[in-house]
Amino acid sequence: MKVVIIEDETPAATRLTRMLEKIDDNIEIIKRLDSVESSVKYLSSAAEVDLIFMDVQLADGLCWDIFQQARLAPPIVFTTAFDQYTLKAFKVNSLDYLLKPIDEGELQQAVEKYKQLYRPADKGLPDRIEKLLLEIGIGATRYKERLLIRRGQQLHYLKTAATAYYYADGKLCYAIDFSGNSYLLDNNLNQLEELLSPQQFFRVNRQLLVNIESIKKVHTWLGGRLKLELSLPVQADPIVSRERVSGFKDWLG
């Protein structure tokens, strides 16, 4: 929450800053101003501001002059020692009106009121959620956790996490699970490479797509290639092609 404090008394501004930081760690005081002139100049060209705490009487006049010279979109909590401006305050975009000395409980209520009224429209929230998901390993793209398989006239599903590898035999594509069972798929390897999580599966060559959990050992091979030793017999060439070696090493790491 980006906060601006407009207050001409340094002790009052300092006290308010400390109280806000105590109330919520997410509050960031991005600017402290002490006059109508400096407030108009800053707010007319400032970056995004979420909430303003504003004293009524400033060093060079009353705060109402700010509204006449600058368009203020953020909600405002007025902080003043005088109660006669209450009605005028609520004719502008006032969120609350706090009398000095400011009570910490009332200040906290004002902050909570802001969160309830304005946070649902927080445009930055989706970006923060996506960033958090990426940090914990959940990408924005949803990868397949199950694949549809056919057995005779029946349809079943196969959990992708239970598959050790996929291989192509001509135009046919098979999945092999960790028990060694084989399943004929409707998908080809190109499609599977797009459908399956790239953290879990890697296409080592034109014929083979492997689950990282199935790899027991990796051996150096001729021509700078690599040979995989899997946890169960493989029905295709287990050699990592030369052009995929670099990507495979990055994937393993």
C-alpha atoms as a PDB file:
ATOM      1  CA  MET A   1       0.000   0.000   0.000  1.00  0.00           C
ATOM      2  CA  LYS A   2       1.639   3.230  -1.197  1.00  0.00           C
ATOM      3  CA  VAL A   3       0.911   6.081   1.222  1.00  0.00           C
ATOM      4  CA  VAL A   4       1.548   9.842   1.065  1.00  0.00           C
ATOM      5  CA  ILE A   5       1.501  11.959   4.243  1.00  0.00           C
ATOM      6  CA  ILE A   6       0.724  15.671   3.921  1.00  0.00           C
ATOM      7  CA  GLU A   7       1.583  17.252   7.285  1.00  0.00           C
ATOM      8  CA  ASP A   8       3.479  20.468   8.109  1.00  0.00           C
ATOM      9  CA  GLU A   9       4.404  19.463  11.667  1.00  0.00           C
ATOM     10  CA  THR A  10       7.446  17.176  11.612  1.00  0.00           C
ATOM     11  CA  PRO A  11       6.740  15.469  15.000  1.00  0.00           C
ATOM     12  CA  ALA A  12       3.156  14.723  13.926  1.00  0.00           C
ATOM     13  CA  ALA A  13       4.318  13.343  10.570  1.00  0.00           C
ATOM     14  CA  THR A  14       6.959  11.179  12.268  1.00  0.00           C
ATOM     15  CA  ARG A  15       4.465   9.829  14.815  1.00  0.00           C
ATOM     16  CA  LEU A  16       1.928   9.039  12.094  1.00  0.00           C
ATOM     17  CA  THR A  17       4.600   7.246  10.055  1.00  0.00           C
ATOM     18  CA  ARG A  18       5.582   5.045  12.993  1.00  0.00           C
ATOM     19  CA  MET A  19       1.974   4.212  13.808  1.00  0.00           C
ATOM     20  CA  LEU A  20       1.200   3.219  10.211  1.00  0.00           C
ATOM     21  CA  GLU A  21       4.306   1.035   9.936  1.00  0.00           C
ATOM     22  CA  LYS A  22       3.334  -0.643  13.199  1.00  0.00           C
ATOM     23  CA  ILE A  23      -0.216  -1.297  12.014  1.00  0.00           C
ATOM     24  CA  ASP A  24       0.706  -2.925   8.688  1.00  0.00           C
ATOM     25  CA  ASP A  25       4.098  -4.018   7.333  1.00  0.00           C
ATOM     26  CA  ASN A  26       2.775  -3.633   3.784  1.00  0.00           C
ATOM     27  CA  ILE A  27       2.345   0.124   4.158  1.00  0.00           C
ATOM     28  CA  GLU A  28       5.047   2.073   2.305  1.00  0.00           C
ATOM     29  CA  ILE A  29       5.370   5.785   2.993  1.00  0.00           C
ATOM     30  CA  ILE A  30       6.492   6.985  -0.428  1.00  0.00           C
ATOM     31  CA  LYS A  31       6.398  10.747   0.274  1.00  0.00           C
ATOM     32  CA  ARG A  32       5.989  13.251   3.099  1.00  0.00           C
ATOM     33  CA  LEU A  33       4.868  16.756   2.100  1.00  0.00           C
ATOM     34  CA  ASP A  34       4.331  19.880   4.214  1.00  0.00           C
ATOM     35  CA  SER A  35       2.668  22.495   2.015  1.00  0.00           C
ATOM     36  CA  VAL A  36      -0.042  23.123  -0.552  1.00  0.00           C
ATOM     37  CA  GLU A  37       2.550  24.031  -3.194  1.00  0.00           C
ATOM     38  CA  SER A  38       4.688  20.905  -2.767  1.00  0.00           C
ATOM     39  CA  SER A  39       1.583  18.693  -2.594  1.00  0.00           C
ATOM     40  CA  VAL A  40       0.141  20.058  -5.827  1.00  0.00           C
ATOM     41  CA  LYS A  41       3.462  19.648  -7.596  1.00  0.00           C
ATOM     42  CA  TYR A  42       4.001  16.090  -6.398  1.00  0.00           C
ATOM     43  CA  LEU A  43       0.447  14.774  -6.760  1.00  0.00           C
ATOM     44  CA  SER A  44       0.101  16.256 -10.245  1.00  0.00           C
ATOM     45  CA  SER A  45       3.033  14.209 -11.525  1.00  0.00           C
ATOM     46  CA  ALA A  46       3.401  11.397  -8.984  1.00  0.00           C
ATOM     47  CA  ALA A  47       3.326   7.686  -9.657  1.00  0.00           C
ATOM     48  CA  GLU A  48       0.539   5.530  -8.269  1.00  0.00           C
ATOM     49  CA  VAL A  49      -0.651   6.493  -4.779  1.00  0.00           C
ATOM     50  CA  ASP A  50      -3.077   4.282  -2.863  1.00  0.00           C
ATOM     51  CA  LEU A  51      -3.956   6.397   0.169  1.00  0.00           C
ATOM     52  CA  ILE A  52      -3.284   9.957   1.398  1.00  0.00           C
ATOM     53  CA  PHE A  53      -3.172  11.149   5.014  1.00  0.00           C
ATOM     54  CA  MET A  54      -3.746  14.910   4.927  1.00  0.00           C
ATOM     55  CA  ASP A  55      -3.683  17.640   7.557  1.00  0.00           C
ATOM     56  CA  VAL A  56      -6.105  20.487   6.921  1.00  0.00           C
ATOM     57  CA  GLN A  57      -3.912  23.413   7.955  1.00  0.00           C
ATOM     58  CA  LEU A  58      -0.588  23.407   6.123  1.00  0.00           C
ATOM     59  CA  ALA A  59       2.448  25.686   6.045  1.00  0.00           C
ATOM     60  CA  ASP A  60       1.136  27.881   3.211  1.00  0.00           C
ATOM     61  CA  GLY A  61      -2.624  27.553   3.545  1.00  0.00           C
ATOM     62  CA  LEU A  62      -5.528  25.132   3.881  1.00  0.00           C
ATOM     63  CA  CYS A  63      -5.544  21.767   2.157  1.00  0.00           C
ATOM     64  CA  TRP A  64      -8.664  22.686   0.139  1.00  0.00           C
ATOM     65  CA  ASP A  65      -6.402  24.677  -2.168  1.00  0.00           C
ATOM     66  CA  ILE A  66      -4.814  21.394  -3.228  1.00  0.00           C
ATOM     67  CA  PHE A  67      -8.138  20.120  -4.555  1.00  0.00           C
ATOM     68  CA  GLN A  68      -8.578  23.264  -6.627  1.00  0.00           C
ATOM     69  CA  GLN A  69      -5.195  22.846  -8.311  1.00  0.00           C
ATOM     70  CA  ALA A  70      -4.797  19.083  -8.634  1.00  0.00           C
ATOM     71  CA  ARG A  71      -7.141  16.210  -9.373  1.00  0.00           C
ATOM     72  CA  LEU A  72      -6.859  13.733  -6.510  1.00  0.00           C
ATOM     73  CA  ALA A  73      -8.054  10.213  -7.224  1.00  0.00           C
ATOM     74  CA  PRO A  74      -6.822   8.353  -4.097  1.00  0.00           C
ATOM     75  CA  PRO A  75      -9.013   8.242  -0.971  1.00  0.00           C
ATOM     76  CA  ILE A  76      -7.995  10.623   1.807  1.00  0.00           C
ATOM     77  CA  VAL A  77      -7.864  10.312   5.571  1.00  0.00           C
ATOM     78  CA  PHE A  78      -7.923  13.800   7.062  1.00  0.00           C
ATOM     79  CA  THR A  79      -5.835  14.348  10.196  1.00  0.00           C
ATOM     80  CA  THR A  80      -6.409  17.599  12.046  1.00  0.00           C
ATOM     81  CA  ALA A  81      -6.826  19.171  15.449  1.00  0.00           C
ATOM     82  CA  PHE A  82     -10.012  20.938  14.334  1.00  0.00           C
ATOM     83  CA  ASP A  83     -13.443  19.366  13.987  1.00  0.00           C
ATOM     84  CA  GLN A  84     -15.157  22.194  12.091  1.00  0.00           C
ATOM     85  CA  TYR A  85     -13.937  20.909   8.709  1.00  0.00           C
ATOM     86  CA  THR A  86     -15.724  17.552   8.906  1.00  0.00           C
ATOM     87  CA  LEU A  87     -18.555  18.406   6.515  1.00  0.00           C
ATOM     88  CA  LYS A  88     -16.222  19.993   3.981  1.00  0.00           C
ATOM     89  CA  ALA A  89     -13.944  16.959   4.117  1.00  0.00           C
ATOM     90  CA  PHE A  90     -16.706  14.606   3.106  1.00  0.00           C
ATOM     91  CA  LYS A  91     -17.544  16.720   0.078  1.00  0.00           C
ATOM     92  CA  VAL A  92     -14.243  15.533  -1.408  1.00  0.00           C
ATOM     93  CA  ASN A  93     -12.947  11.959  -1.629  1.00  0.00           C
ATOM     94  CA  SER A  94     -12.621  11.509   2.130  1.00  0.00           C
ATOM     95  CA  LEU A  95     -12.323   8.045   3.620  1.00  0.00           C
ATOM     96  CA  ASP A  96     -12.128   9.137   7.273  1.00  0.00           C
ATOM     97  CA  TYR A  97     -11.593  12.150   9.529  1.00  0.00           C
ATOM     98  CA  LEU A  98      -9.243  11.697  12.507  1.00  0.00           C
ATOM     99  CA  LEU A  99      -8.739  14.267  15.235  1.00  0.00           C
ATOM    100  CA  LYS A 100      -5.309  14.910  16.730  1.00  0.00           C
ATOM    101  CA  PRO A 101      -3.770  13.485  18.774  1.00  0.00           C
ATOM    102  CA  ILE A 102      -4.527  10.502  16.568  1.00  0.00           C
ATOM    103  CA  ASP A 103      -5.716   7.406  18.380  1.00  0.00           C
ATOM    104  CA  GLU A 104      -3.974   4.228  17.168  1.00  0.00           C
ATOM    105  CA  GLY A 105      -7.215   2.231  17.279  1.00  0.00           C
ATOM    106  CA  GLU A 106      -9.031   4.776  15.117  1.00  0.00           C
ATOM    107  CA  LEU A 107      -6.087   4.886  12.715  1.00  0.00           C
ATOM    108  CA  GLN A 108      -6.181   1.115  12.370  1.00  0.00           C
ATOM    109  CA  GLN A 109      -9.919   1.249  11.656  1.00  0.00           C
ATOM    110  CA  ALA A 110      -9.269   3.781   8.895  1.00  0.00           C
ATOM    111  CA  VAL A 111      -6.669   1.480   7.324  1.00  0.00           C
ATOM    112  CA  GLU A 112      -9.041  -1.481   7.538  1.00  0.00           C
ATOM    113  CA  LYS A 113     -11.802   0.599   5.953  1.00  0.00           C
ATOM    114  CA  TYR A 114      -9.476   1.335   3.049  1.00  0.00           C
ATOM    115  CA  LYS A 115      -8.702  -2.379   2.605  1.00  0.00           C
ATOM    116  CA  GLN A 116     -12.375  -3.332   2.594  1.00  0.00           C
ATOM    117  CA  LEU A 117     -13.458  -0.635   0.169  1.00  0.00           C
ATOM    118  CA  TYR A 118     -10.531  -0.404  -2.231  1.00  0.00           C
ATOM    119  CA  ARG A 119      -8.471  -3.588  -2.184  1.00  0.00           C
ATOM    120  CA  PRO A 120     -10.981  -5.674  -4.243  1.00  0.00           C
ATOM    121  CA  ALA A 121     -10.186  -3.360  -7.169  1.00  0.00           C
ATOM    122  CA  ASP A 122      -6.446  -3.785  -6.707  1.00  0.00           C
ATOM    123  CA  LYS A 123      -5.153  -4.179 -10.265  1.00  0.00           C
ATOM    124  CA  GLY A 124      -1.788  -5.440  -9.121  1.00  0.00           C
ATOM    125  CA  LEU A 125      -3.206  -8.429  -7.259  1.00  0.00           C
ATOM    126  CA  PRO A 126      -3.341 -10.874 -10.220  1.00  0.00           C
ATOM    127  CA  ASP A 127       0.317 -10.129 -11.032  1.00  0.00           C
ATOM    128  CA  ARG A 128       1.342 -10.748  -7.420  1.00  0.00           C
ATOM    129  CA  ILE A 129      -0.612 -14.031  -7.331  1.00  0.00           C
ATOM    130  CA  GLU A 130       0.981 -15.224 -10.555  1.00  0.00           C
ATOM    131  CA  LYS A 131       4.430 -14.314  -9.270  1.00  0.00           C
ATOM    132  CA  LEU A 132       3.792 -16.228  -6.035  1.00  0.00           C
ATOM    133  CA  LEU A 133       2.593 -19.302  -7.940  1.00  0.00           C
ATOM    134  CA  LEU A 134       5.700 -19.272 -10.085  1.00  0.00           C
ATOM    135  CA  GLU A 135       7.906 -18.970  -6.992  1.00  0.00           C
ATOM    136  CA  ILE A 136       6.359 -22.091  -5.423  1.00  0.00           C
ATOM    137  CA  GLY A 137       6.596 -24.039  -8.663  1.00  0.00           C
ATOM    138  CA  ILE A 138       3.087 -23.726 -10.051  1.00  0.00           C
ATOM    139  CA  GLY A 139       3.192 -22.143 -13.474  1.00  0.00           C
ATOM    140  CA  ALA A 140       0.350 -20.186 -15.000  1.00  0.00           C
ATOM    141  CA  THR A 141      -0.105 -22.997 -17.573  1.00  0.00           C
ATOM    142  CA  ARG A 142      -2.050 -26.065 -16.449  1.00  0.00           C
ATOM    143  CA  TYR A 143      -0.382 -29.269 -17.634  1.00  0.00           C
ATOM    144  CA  LYS A 144      -2.076 -32.630 -18.022  1.00  0.00           C
ATOM    145  CA  GLU A 145      -2.258 -34.777 -14.882  1.00  0.00           C
ATOM    146  CA  ARG A 146      -4.214 -37.544 -16.624  1.00  0.00           C
ATOM    147  CA  LEU A 147      -4.360 -38.991 -20.138  1.00  0.00           C
ATOM    148  CA  LEU A 148      -7.272 -40.791 -21.750  1.00  0.00           C
ATOM    149  CA  ILE A 149      -6.511 -44.363 -22.825  1.00  0.00           C
ATOM    150  CA  ARG A 150      -8.609 -47.013 -24.586  1.00  0.00           C
ATOM    151  CA  ARG A 151      -8.816 -50.689 -23.718  1.00  0.00           C
ATOM    152  CA  GLY A 152     -11.117 -52.514 -26.069  1.00  0.00           C
ATOM    153  CA  GLN A 153     -14.491 -50.785 -25.853  1.00  0.00           C
ATOM    154  CA  GLN A 154     -13.692 -49.097 -22.545  1.00  0.00           C
ATOM    155  CA  LEU A 155     -12.142 -45.752 -21.714  1.00  0.00           C
ATOM    156  CA  HIS A 156      -9.744 -45.335 -18.810  1.00  0.00           C
ATOM    157  CA  TYR A 157      -7.371 -42.683 -17.571  1.00  0.00           C
ATOM    158  CA  LEU A 158      -3.675 -42.860 -16.805  1.00  0.00           C
ATOM    159  CA  LYS A 159      -2.008 -40.552 -14.293  1.00  0.00           C
ATOM    160  CA  THR A 160       0.950 -38.877 -15.960  1.00  0.00           C
ATOM    161  CA  ALA A 161       2.958 -38.932 -12.715  1.00  0.00           C
ATOM    162  CA  ALA A 162       2.755 -42.738 -12.842  1.00  0.00           C
ATOM    163  CA  THR A 163       4.331 -42.935 -16.304  1.00  0.00           C
ATOM    164  CA  ALA A 164       8.038 -43.655 -16.589  1.00  0.00           C
ATOM    165  CA  TYR A 165       8.384 -42.729 -20.250  1.00  0.00           C
ATOM    166  CA  TYR A 166       6.628 -42.375 -23.601  1.00  0.00           C
ATOM    167  CA  TYR A 167       7.967 -43.691 -26.869  1.00  0.00           C
ATOM    168  CA  ALA A 168       7.071 -43.652 -30.545  1.00  0.00           C
ATOM    169  CA  ASP A 169       7.015 -46.753 -32.721  1.00  0.00           C
ATOM    170  CA  GLY A 170       6.371 -45.573 -36.223  1.00  0.00           C
ATOM    171  CA  LYS A 171       3.084 -43.683 -36.140  1.00  0.00           C
ATOM    172  CA  LEU A 172       2.041 -45.257 -32.830  1.00  0.00           C
ATOM    173  CA  CYS A 173       2.770 -43.779 -29.399  1.00  0.00           C
ATOM    174  CA  TYR A 174       2.906 -45.696 -26.117  1.00  0.00           C
ATOM    175  CA  ALA A 175       3.092 -44.849 -22.438  1.00  0.00           C
ATOM    176  CA  ILE A 176       4.970 -47.109 -20.036  1.00  0.00           C
ATOM    177  CA  ASP A 177       4.117 -46.872 -16.352  1.00  0.00           C
ATOM    178  CA  PHE A 178       6.467 -47.637 -13.464  1.00  0.00           C
ATOM    179  CA  SER A 179       5.054 -51.185 -13.246  1.00  0.00           C
ATOM    180  CA  GLY A 180       6.113 -51.828 -16.838  1.00  0.00           C
ATOM    181  CA  ASN A 181       2.581 -51.778 -18.290  1.00  0.00           C
ATOM    182  CA  SER A 182       2.201 -50.450 -21.821  1.00  0.00           C
ATOM    183  CA  TYR A 183      -0.657 -48.217 -23.034  1.00  0.00           C
ATOM    184  CA  LEU A 184      -1.451 -47.180 -26.589  1.00  0.00           C
ATOM    185  CA  LEU A 185      -2.228 -43.455 -26.783  1.00  0.00           C
ATOM    186  CA  ASP A 186      -4.107 -41.242 -29.200  1.00  0.00           C
ATOM    187  CA  ASN A 187      -1.473 -38.533 -28.732  1.00  0.00           C
ATOM    188  CA  ASN A 188       1.896 -38.364 -30.494  1.00  0.00           C
ATOM    189  CA  LEU A 189       5.162 -37.289 -28.841  1.00  0.00           C
ATOM    190  CA  ASN A 190       4.948 -33.741 -30.191  1.00  0.00           C
ATOM    191  CA  GLN A 191       1.567 -33.318 -28.544  1.00  0.00           C
ATOM    192  CA  LEU A 192       2.707 -34.928 -25.300  1.00  0.00           C
ATOM    193  CA  GLU A 193       5.704 -32.610 -25.138  1.00  0.00           C
ATOM    194  CA  GLU A 194       3.258 -29.682 -25.017  1.00  0.00           C
ATOM    195  CA  LEU A 195       0.756 -31.336 -22.654  1.00  0.00           C
ATOM    196  CA  LEU A 196       3.118 -32.630 -19.970  1.00  0.00           C
ATOM    197  CA  SER A 197       4.929 -30.580 -17.343  1.00  0.00           C
ATOM    198  CA  PRO A 198       8.410 -29.587 -18.563  1.00  0.00           C
ATOM    199  CA  GLN A 199       9.632 -29.848 -14.968  1.00  0.00           C
ATOM    200  CA  GLN A 200       8.722 -33.548 -14.931  1.00  0.00           C
ATOM    201  CA  PHE A 201       9.257 -34.729 -18.527  1.00  0.00           C
ATOM    202  CA  PHE A 202      11.928 -34.200 -21.179  1.00  0.00           C
ATOM    203  CA  ARG A 203      12.049 -35.169 -24.854  1.00  0.00           C
ATOM    204  CA  VAL A 204      15.505 -36.734 -25.226  1.00  0.00           C
ATOM    205  CA  ASN A 205      15.223 -37.619 -28.921  1.00  0.00           C
ATOM    206  CA  ARG A 206      12.647 -38.104 -31.663  1.00  0.00           C
ATOM    207  CA  GLN A 207      11.436 -41.388 -30.162  1.00  0.00           C
ATOM    208  CA  LEU A 208      11.583 -40.933 -26.390  1.00  0.00           C
ATOM    209  CA  LEU A 209      10.072 -38.665 -23.718  1.00  0.00           C
ATOM    210  CA  VAL A 210      11.172 -39.507 -20.154  1.00  0.00           C
ATOM    211  CA  ASN A 211       9.984 -38.811 -16.611  1.00  0.00           C
ATOM    212  CA  ILE A 212      12.818 -37.493 -14.445  1.00  0.00           C
ATOM    213  CA  GLU A 213      11.826 -40.006 -11.756  1.00  0.00           C
ATOM    214  CA  SER A 214      12.645 -42.886 -14.101  1.00  0.00           C
ATOM    215  CA  ILE A 215      16.297 -41.893 -14.654  1.00  0.00           C
ATOM    216  CA  LYS A 216      18.773 -43.985 -12.646  1.00  0.00           C
ATOM    217  CA  LYS A 217      22.049 -42.993 -14.275  1.00  0.00           C
ATOM    218  CA  VAL A 218      23.366 -40.788 -17.068  1.00  0.00           C
ATOM    219  CA  HIS A 219      26.443 -41.926 -19.003  1.00  0.00           C
ATOM    220  CA  THR A 220      28.612 -39.949 -21.390  1.00  0.00           C
ATOM    221  CA  TRP A 221      28.385 -41.314 -24.918  1.00  0.00           C
ATOM    222  CA  LEU A 222      29.953 -41.005 -28.329  1.00  0.00           C
ATOM    223  CA  GLY A 223      29.964 -37.664 -30.107  1.00  0.00           C
ATOM    224  CA  GLY A 224      29.216 -35.643 -26.969  1.00  0.00           C
ATOM    225  CA  ARG A 225      25.885 -37.375 -26.486  1.00  0.00           C
ATOM    226  CA  LEU A 226      24.479 -38.928 -23.306  1.00  0.00           C
ATOM    227  CA  LYS A 227      23.029 -42.375 -22.657  1.00  0.00           C
ATOM    228  CA  LEU A 228      20.275 -42.838 -20.087  1.00  0.00           C
ATOM    229  CA  GLU A 229      19.863 -45.799 -17.776  1.00  0.00           C
ATOM    230  CA  LEU A 230      16.216 -45.948 -16.743  1.00  0.00           C
ATOM    231  CA  SER A 231      14.588 -47.749 -13.845  1.00  0.00           C
ATOM    232  CA  LEU A 232      12.938 -50.264 -16.208  1.00  0.00           C
ATOM    233  CA  PRO A 233      13.623 -51.588 -19.713  1.00  0.00           C
ATOM    234  CA  VAL A 234      13.153 -48.989 -22.420  1.00  0.00           C
ATOM    235  CA  GLN A 235      11.511 -49.761 -25.753  1.00  0.00           C
ATOM    236  CA  ALA A 236      13.333 -46.994 -27.631  1.00  0.00           C
ATOM    237  CA  ASP A 237      16.823 -45.594 -28.103  1.00  0.00           C
ATOM    238  CA  PRO A 238      17.814 -44.044 -24.701  1.00  0.00           C
ATOM    239  CA  ILE A 239      20.440 -41.742 -26.218  1.00  0.00           C
ATOM    240  CA  VAL A 240      20.063 -37.995 -25.667  1.00  0.00           C
ATOM    241  CA  SER A 241      20.558 -36.450 -29.113  1.00  0.00           C
ATOM    242  CA  ARG A 242      23.482 -34.048 -29.505  1.00  0.00           C
ATOM    243  CA  GLU A 243      21.306 -30.956 -30.004  1.00  0.00           C
ATOM    244  CA  ARG A 244      19.338 -31.729 -26.835  1.00  0.00           C
ATOM    245  CA  VAL A 245      22.267 -32.392 -24.487  1.00  0.00           C
ATOM    246  CA  SER A 246      22.617 -28.816 -23.234  1.00  0.00           C
ATOM    247  CA  GLY A 247      18.910 -28.469 -22.530  1.00  0.00           C
ATOM    248  CA  PHE A 248      18.855 -31.872 -20.845  1.00  0.00           C
ATOM    249  CA  LYS A 249      21.665 -30.882 -18.472  1.00  0.00           C
ATOM    250  CA  ASP A 250      19.847 -27.683 -17.560  1.00  0.00           C
ATOM    251  CA  TRP A 251      16.671 -29.691 -16.989  1.00  0.00           C
ATOM    252  CA  LEU A 252      18.435 -32.125 -14.668  1.00  0.00           C
ATOM    253  CA  GLY A 253      19.986 -29.277 -12.695  1.00  0.00           C
END
